Amino acid sequence: MDINEQTDAFLFELQNVVNRFRAEYDLNHATIIGTLEILKIDYLTESNISFECDIDLDEDEEESTGN
């Protein structure tokens, strides 16, 4: 299985789990989305992912102060 097939399989399984819990526990969309957001934040903060800004923030600061 290549990465695209693995991603699709993960997505379909995740959808199945969400649908099953929604049906079994009468969860509304806001609760499901909030829970997924918490999980997303956990994954982002616990991983060693490094984000770099492509925008030169120093240049924007100079333009806003008129320097």
PDB file of N, CA and C in Angstrom:
ATOM      1  N   MET A   1       0.833  -1.180   0.000  1.00  0.00           N
ATOM      2  CA  MET A   1       0.000   0.000   0.000  1.00  0.00           C
ATOM      3  C   MET A   1       0.885   1.253   0.000  1.00  0.00           C
ATOM      4  N   ASP A   2       0.613   2.170  -0.920  1.00  0.00           N
ATOM      5  CA  ASP A   2       1.391   3.408  -0.919  1.00  0.00           C
ATOM      6  C   ASP A   2       0.771   4.410   0.072  1.00  0.00           C
ATOM      7  N   ILE A   3       1.388   5.568   0.229  1.00  0.00           N
ATOM      8  CA  ILE A   3       0.968   6.542   1.233  1.00  0.00           C
ATOM      9  C   ILE A   3      -0.445   7.048   0.965  1.00  0.00           C
ATOM     10  N   ASN A   4      -0.825   7.193  -0.300  1.00  0.00           N
ATOM     11  CA  ASN A   4      -2.183   7.652  -0.621  1.00  0.00           C
ATOM     12  C   ASN A   4      -3.230   6.621  -0.210  1.00  0.00           C
ATOM     13  N   GLU A   5      -2.956   5.380  -0.462  1.00  0.00           N
ATOM     14  CA  GLU A   5      -3.880   4.312  -0.063  1.00  0.00           C
ATOM     15  C   GLU A   5      -3.949   4.192   1.454  1.00  0.00           C
ATOM     16  N   GLN A   6      -2.817   4.353   2.126  1.00  0.00           N
ATOM     17  CA  GLN A   6      -2.797   4.314   3.586  1.00  0.00           C
ATOM     18  C   GLN A   6      -3.587   5.482   4.170  1.00  0.00           C
ATOM     19  N   THR A   7      -3.441   6.659   3.565  1.00  0.00           N
ATOM     20  CA  THR A   7      -4.176   7.841   4.023  1.00  0.00           C
ATOM     21  C   THR A   7      -5.673   7.644   3.837  1.00  0.00           C
ATOM     22  N   ASP A   8      -6.058   7.114   2.681  1.00  0.00           N
ATOM     23  CA  ASP A   8      -7.473   6.836   2.434  1.00  0.00           C
ATOM     24  C   ASP A   8      -8.023   5.822   3.435  1.00  0.00           C
ATOM     25  N   ALA A   9      -7.272   4.764   3.693  1.00  0.00           N
ATOM     26  CA  ALA A   9      -7.708   3.738   4.640  1.00  0.00           C
ATOM     27  C   ALA A   9      -7.885   4.338   6.035  1.00  0.00           C
ATOM     28  N   PHE A  10      -6.947   5.178   6.452  1.00  0.00           N
ATOM     29  CA  PHE A  10      -7.039   5.832   7.754  1.00  0.00           C
ATOM     30  C   PHE A  10      -8.275   6.720   7.818  1.00  0.00           C
ATOM     31  N   LEU A  11      -8.504   7.512   6.775  1.00  0.00           N
ATOM     32  CA  LEU A  11      -9.658   8.413   6.727  1.00  0.00           C
ATOM     33  C   LEU A  11     -10.958   7.621   6.820  1.00  0.00           C
ATOM     34  N   PHE A  12     -11.081   6.551   6.050  1.00  0.00           N
ATOM     35  CA  PHE A  12     -12.316   5.760   6.055  1.00  0.00           C
ATOM     36  C   PHE A  12     -12.549   5.114   7.419  1.00  0.00           C
ATOM     37  N   GLU A  13     -11.499   4.607   8.033  1.00  0.00           N
ATOM     38  CA  GLU A  13     -11.641   4.009   9.363  1.00  0.00           C
ATOM     39  C   GLU A  13     -12.013   5.059  10.407  1.00  0.00           C
ATOM     40  N   LEU A  14     -11.397   6.225  10.316  1.00  0.00           N
ATOM     41  CA  LEU A  14     -11.718   7.311  11.237  1.00  0.00           C
ATOM     42  C   LEU A  14     -13.180   7.729  11.085  1.00  0.00           C
ATOM     43  N   GLN A  15     -13.641   7.832   9.838  1.00  0.00           N
ATOM     44  CA  GLN A  15     -15.047   8.160   9.585  1.00  0.00           C
ATOM     45  C   GLN A  15     -15.973   7.094  10.161  1.00  0.00           C
ATOM     46  N   ASN A  16     -15.599   5.830  10.013  1.00  0.00           N
ATOM     47  CA  ASN A  16     -16.408   4.738  10.563  1.00  0.00           C
ATOM     48  C   ASN A  16     -16.504   4.820  12.079  1.00  0.00           C
ATOM     49  N   VAL A  17     -15.397   5.102  12.728  1.00  0.00           N
ATOM     50  CA  VAL A  17     -15.388   5.214  14.189  1.00  0.00           C
ATOM     51  C   VAL A  17     -16.251   6.386  14.642  1.00  0.00           C
ATOM     52  N   VAL A  18     -16.095   7.533  13.988  1.00  0.00           N
ATOM     53  CA  VAL A  18     -16.889   8.708  14.345  1.00  0.00           C
ATOM     54  C   VAL A  18     -18.371   8.415  14.143  1.00  0.00           C
ATOM     55  N   ASN A  19     -18.736   7.820  13.033  1.00  0.00           N
ATOM     56  CA  ASN A  19     -20.139   7.497  12.765  1.00  0.00           C
ATOM     57  C   ASN A  19     -20.699   6.509  13.793  1.00  0.00           C
ATOM     58  N   ARG A  20     -19.895   5.526  14.164  1.00  0.00           N
ATOM     59  CA  ARG A  20     -20.346   4.543  15.153  1.00  0.00           C
ATOM     60  C   ARG A  20     -20.587   5.197  16.505  1.00  0.00           C
ATOM     61  N   PHE A  21     -19.653   6.028  16.965  1.00  0.00           N
ATOM     62  CA  PHE A  21     -19.817   6.699  18.252  1.00  0.00           C
ATOM     63  C   PHE A  21     -20.972   7.694  18.209  1.00  0.00           C
ATOM     64  N   ARG A  22     -21.143   8.354  17.083  1.00  0.00           N
ATOM     65  CA  ARG A  22     -22.241   9.314  16.946  1.00  0.00           C
ATOM     66  C   ARG A  22     -23.587   8.593  17.075  1.00  0.00           C
ATOM     67  N   ALA A  23     -23.679   7.432  16.471  1.00  0.00           N
ATOM     68  CA  ALA A  23     -24.927   6.664  16.524  1.00  0.00           C
ATOM     69  C   ALA A  23     -25.160   6.058  17.910  1.00  0.00           C
ATOM     70  N   GLU A  24     -24.105   5.521  18.507  1.00  0.00           N
ATOM     71  CA  GLU A  24     -24.253   4.840  19.795  1.00  0.00           C
ATOM     72  C   GLU A  24     -24.474   5.807  20.948  1.00  0.00           C
ATOM     73  N   TYR A  25     -23.868   6.981  20.892  1.00  0.00           N
ATOM     74  CA  TYR A  25     -23.902   7.894  22.024  1.00  0.00           C
ATOM     75  C   TYR A  25     -24.644   9.192  21.729  1.00  0.00           C
ATOM     76  N   ASP A  26     -25.285   9.302  20.576  1.00  0.00           N
ATOM     77  CA  ASP A  26     -26.038  10.507  20.203  1.00  0.00           C
ATOM     78  C   ASP A  26     -25.192  11.766  20.311  1.00  0.00           C
ATOM     79  N   LEU A  27     -23.948  11.690  19.883  1.00  0.00           N
ATOM     80  CA  LEU A  27     -23.064  12.851  19.910  1.00  0.00           C
ATOM     81  C   LEU A  27     -23.438  13.806  18.783  1.00  0.00           C
ATOM     82  N   ASN A  28     -23.422  15.099  19.079  1.00  0.00           N
ATOM     83  CA  ASN A  28     -23.716  16.073  18.032  1.00  0.00           C
ATOM     84  C   ASN A  28     -22.426  16.473  17.317  1.00  0.00           C
ATOM     85  N   HIS A  29     -22.575  17.205  16.230  1.00  0.00           N
ATOM     86  CA  HIS A  29     -21.421  17.578  15.408  1.00  0.00           C
ATOM     87  C   HIS A  29     -20.432  18.442  16.175  1.00  0.00           C
ATOM     88  N   ALA A  30     -20.919  19.372  16.993  1.00  0.00           N
ATOM     89  CA  ALA A  30     -20.029  20.251  17.748  1.00  0.00           C
ATOM     90  C   ALA A  30     -19.149  19.459  18.706  1.00  0.00           C
ATOM     91  N   THR A  31     -19.713  18.465  19.362  1.00  0.00           N
ATOM     92  CA  THR A  31     -18.940  17.633  20.289  1.00  0.00           C
ATOM     93  C   THR A  31     -17.889  16.825  19.541  1.00  0.00           C
ATOM     94  N   ILE A  32     -18.267  16.266  18.414  1.00  0.00           N
ATOM     95  CA  ILE A  32     -17.323  15.471  17.620  1.00  0.00           C
ATOM     96  C   ILE A  32     -16.183  16.351  17.116  1.00  0.00           C
ATOM     97  N   ILE A  33     -16.525  17.497  16.569  1.00  0.00           N
ATOM     98  CA  ILE A  33     -15.490  18.405  16.046  1.00  0.00           C
ATOM     99  C   ILE A  33     -14.589  18.896  17.168  1.00  0.00           C
ATOM    100  N   GLY A  34     -15.165  19.255  18.295  1.00  0.00           N
ATOM    101  CA  GLY A  34     -14.359  19.702  19.435  1.00  0.00           C
ATOM    102  C   GLY A  34     -13.395  18.629  19.906  1.00  0.00           C
ATOM    103  N   THR A  35     -13.877  17.401  19.952  1.00  0.00           N
ATOM    104  CA  THR A  35     -13.020  16.284  20.365  1.00  0.00           C
ATOM    105  C   THR A  35     -11.894  16.063  19.371  1.00  0.00           C
ATOM    106  N   LEU A  36     -12.203  16.139  18.078  1.00  0.00           N
ATOM    107  CA  LEU A  36     -11.165  15.987  17.065  1.00  0.00           C
ATOM    108  C   LEU A  36     -10.152  17.130  17.126  1.00  0.00           C
ATOM    109  N   GLU A  37     -10.618  18.337  17.449  1.00  0.00           N
ATOM    110  CA  GLU A  37      -9.700  19.476  17.598  1.00  0.00           C
ATOM    111  C   GLU A  37      -8.756  19.262  18.775  1.00  0.00           C
ATOM    112  N   ILE A  38      -9.270  18.734  19.877  1.00  0.00           N
ATOM    113  CA  ILE A  38      -8.414  18.440  21.037  1.00  0.00           C
ATOM    114  C   ILE A  38      -7.351  17.417  20.646  1.00  0.00           C
ATOM    115  N   LEU A  39      -7.780  16.373  19.938  1.00  0.00           N
ATOM    116  CA  LEU A  39      -6.831  15.349  19.489  1.00  0.00           C
ATOM    117  C   LEU A  39      -5.798  15.943  18.540  1.00  0.00           C
ATOM    118  N   LYS A  40      -6.239  16.816  17.656  1.00  0.00           N
ATOM    119  CA  LYS A  40      -5.325  17.467  16.705  1.00  0.00           C
ATOM    120  C   LYS A  40      -4.276  18.282  17.448  1.00  0.00           C
ATOM    121  N   ILE A  41      -4.710  19.060  18.423  1.00  0.00           N
ATOM    122  CA  ILE A  41      -3.772  19.872  19.209  1.00  0.00           C
ATOM    123  C   ILE A  41      -2.785  18.971  19.953  1.00  0.00           C
ATOM    124  N   ASP A  42      -3.285  17.875  20.509  1.00  0.00           N
ATOM    125  CA  ASP A  42      -2.396  16.925  21.192  1.00  0.00           C
ATOM    126  C   ASP A  42      -1.324  16.408  20.241  1.00  0.00           C
ATOM    127  N   TYR A  43      -1.710  16.035  19.042  1.00  0.00           N
ATOM    128  CA  TYR A  43      -0.742  15.528  18.065  1.00  0.00           C
ATOM    129  C   TYR A  43       0.257  16.609  17.651  1.00  0.00           C
ATOM    130  N   LEU A  44      -0.226  17.823  17.475  1.00  0.00           N
ATOM    131  CA  LEU A  44       0.660  18.903  17.056  1.00  0.00           C
ATOM    132  C   LEU A  44       1.648  19.294  18.146  1.00  0.00           C
ATOM    133  N   THR A  45       1.212  19.299  19.389  1.00  0.00           N
ATOM    134  CA  THR A  45       2.087  19.746  20.475  1.00  0.00           C
ATOM    135  C   THR A  45       3.005  18.648  20.987  1.00  0.00           C
ATOM    136  N   GLU A  46       2.625  17.395  20.808  1.00  0.00           N
ATOM    137  CA  GLU A  46       3.464  16.299  21.285  1.00  0.00           C
ATOM    138  C   GLU A  46       4.484  15.840  20.259  1.00  0.00           C
ATOM    139  N   SER A  47       4.308  16.241  19.024  1.00  0.00           N
ATOM    140  CA  SER A  47       5.231  15.784  17.987  1.00  0.00           C
ATOM    141  C   SER A  47       6.411  16.741  17.878  1.00  0.00           C
ATOM    142  N   ASN A  48       7.350  16.349  17.087  1.00  0.00           N
ATOM    143  CA  ASN A  48       8.529  17.186  16.857  1.00  0.00           C
ATOM    144  C   ASN A  48       8.407  17.917  15.531  1.00  0.00           C
ATOM    145  N   ILE A  49       7.191  18.318  15.190  1.00  0.00           N
ATOM    146  CA  ILE A  49       6.966  19.041  13.950  1.00  0.00           C
ATOM    147  C   ILE A  49       7.457  20.469  14.137  1.00  0.00           C
ATOM    148  N   SER A  50       8.235  20.926  13.195  1.00  0.00           N
ATOM    149  CA  SER A  50       8.758  22.284  13.251  1.00  0.00           C
ATOM    150  C   SER A  50       8.091  23.113  12.161  1.00  0.00           C
ATOM    151  N   PHE A  51       7.485  24.207  12.561  1.00  0.00           N
ATOM    152  CA  PHE A  51       6.846  25.091  11.601  1.00  0.00           C
ATOM    153  C   PHE A  51       7.709  26.320  11.412  1.00  0.00           C
ATOM    154  N   GLU A  52       7.933  26.675  10.165  1.00  0.00           N
ATOM    155  CA  GLU A  52       8.712  27.866   9.856  1.00  0.00           C
ATOM    156  C   GLU A  52       7.851  28.827   9.073  1.00  0.00           C
ATOM    157  N   CYS A  53       7.964  30.091   9.404  1.00  0.00           N
ATOM    158  CA  CYS A  53       7.199  31.123   8.727  1.00  0.00           C
ATOM    159  C   CYS A  53       7.932  31.546   7.461  1.00  0.00           C
ATOM    160  N   ASP A  54       7.205  31.581   6.338  1.00  0.00           N
ATOM    161  CA  ASP A  54       7.798  32.005   5.070  1.00  0.00           C
ATOM    162  C   ASP A  54       7.785  33.520   4.912  1.00  0.00           C
ATOM    163  N   ILE A  55       7.104  34.201   5.802  1.00  0.00           N
ATOM    164  CA  ILE A  55       6.971  35.649   5.716  1.00  0.00           C
ATOM    165  C   ILE A  55       8.018  36.297   6.609  1.00  0.00           C
ATOM    166  N   ASP A  56       8.664  37.322   6.088  1.00  0.00           N
ATOM    167  CA  ASP A  56       9.642  38.062   6.876  1.00  0.00           C
ATOM    168  C   ASP A  56       8.885  39.029   7.786  1.00  0.00           C
ATOM    169  N   LEU A  57       8.711  38.643   9.046  1.00  0.00           N
ATOM    170  CA  LEU A  57       7.932  39.451   9.974  1.00  0.00           C
ATOM    171  C   LEU A  57       8.634  40.761  10.314  1.00  0.00           C
ATOM    172  N   ASP A  58       9.960  40.790  10.287  1.00  0.00           N
ATOM    173  CA  ASP A  58      10.697  42.023  10.563  1.00  0.00           C
ATOM    174  C   ASP A  58      10.401  43.073   9.498  1.00  0.00           C
ATOM    175  N   GLU A  59      10.275  42.645   8.253  1.00  0.00           N
ATOM    176  CA  GLU A  59       9.990  43.569   7.153  1.00  0.00           C
ATOM    177  C   GLU A  59       8.596  44.180   7.324  1.00  0.00           C
ATOM    178  N   ASP A  60       7.610  43.352   7.720  1.00  0.00           N
ATOM    179  CA  ASP A  60       6.260  43.854   7.927  1.00  0.00           C
ATOM    180  C   ASP A  60       6.215  44.857   9.078  1.00  0.00           C
ATOM    181  N   GLU A  61       7.003  44.604  10.110  1.00  0.00           N
ATOM    182  CA  GLU A  61       7.047  45.507  11.268  1.00  0.00           C
ATOM    183  C   GLU A  61       7.609  46.865  10.861  1.00  0.00           C
ATOM    184  N   GLU A  62       8.665  46.874  10.042  1.00  0.00           N
ATOM    185  CA  GLU A  62       9.274  48.110   9.603  1.00  0.00           C
ATOM    186  C   GLU A  62       8.305  48.938   8.758  1.00  0.00           C
ATOM    187  N   GLU A  63       7.518  48.258   7.900  1.00  0.00           N
ATOM    188  CA  GLU A  63       6.560  48.962   7.058  1.00  0.00           C
ATOM    189  C   GLU A  63       5.451  49.592   7.882  1.00  0.00           C
ATOM    190  N   SER A  64       5.014  48.922   8.953  1.00  0.00           N
ATOM    191  CA  SER A  64       3.921  49.448   9.750  1.00  0.00           C
ATOM    192  C   SER A  64       4.370  50.613  10.643  1.00  0.00           C
ATOM    193  N   THR A  65       5.666  50.688  10.964  1.00  0.00           N
ATOM    194  CA  THR A  65       6.156  51.787  11.794  1.00  0.00           C
ATOM    195  C   THR A  65       6.687  52.929  10.937  1.00  0.00           C
ATOM    196  N   GLY A  66       6.758  52.731   9.638  1.00  0.00           N
ATOM    197  CA  GLY A  66       7.223  53.790   8.746  1.00  0.00           C
ATOM    198  C   GLY A  66       8.726  53.905   8.635  1.00  0.00           C
ATOM    199  N   ASN A  67       9.470  52.906   9.105  1.00  0.00           N
ATOM    200  CA  ASN A  67      10.935  52.937   9.026  1.00  0.00           C
ATOM    201  C   ASN A  67      11.415  52.385   7.713  1.00  0.00           C
TER     202      ASN A  67
END
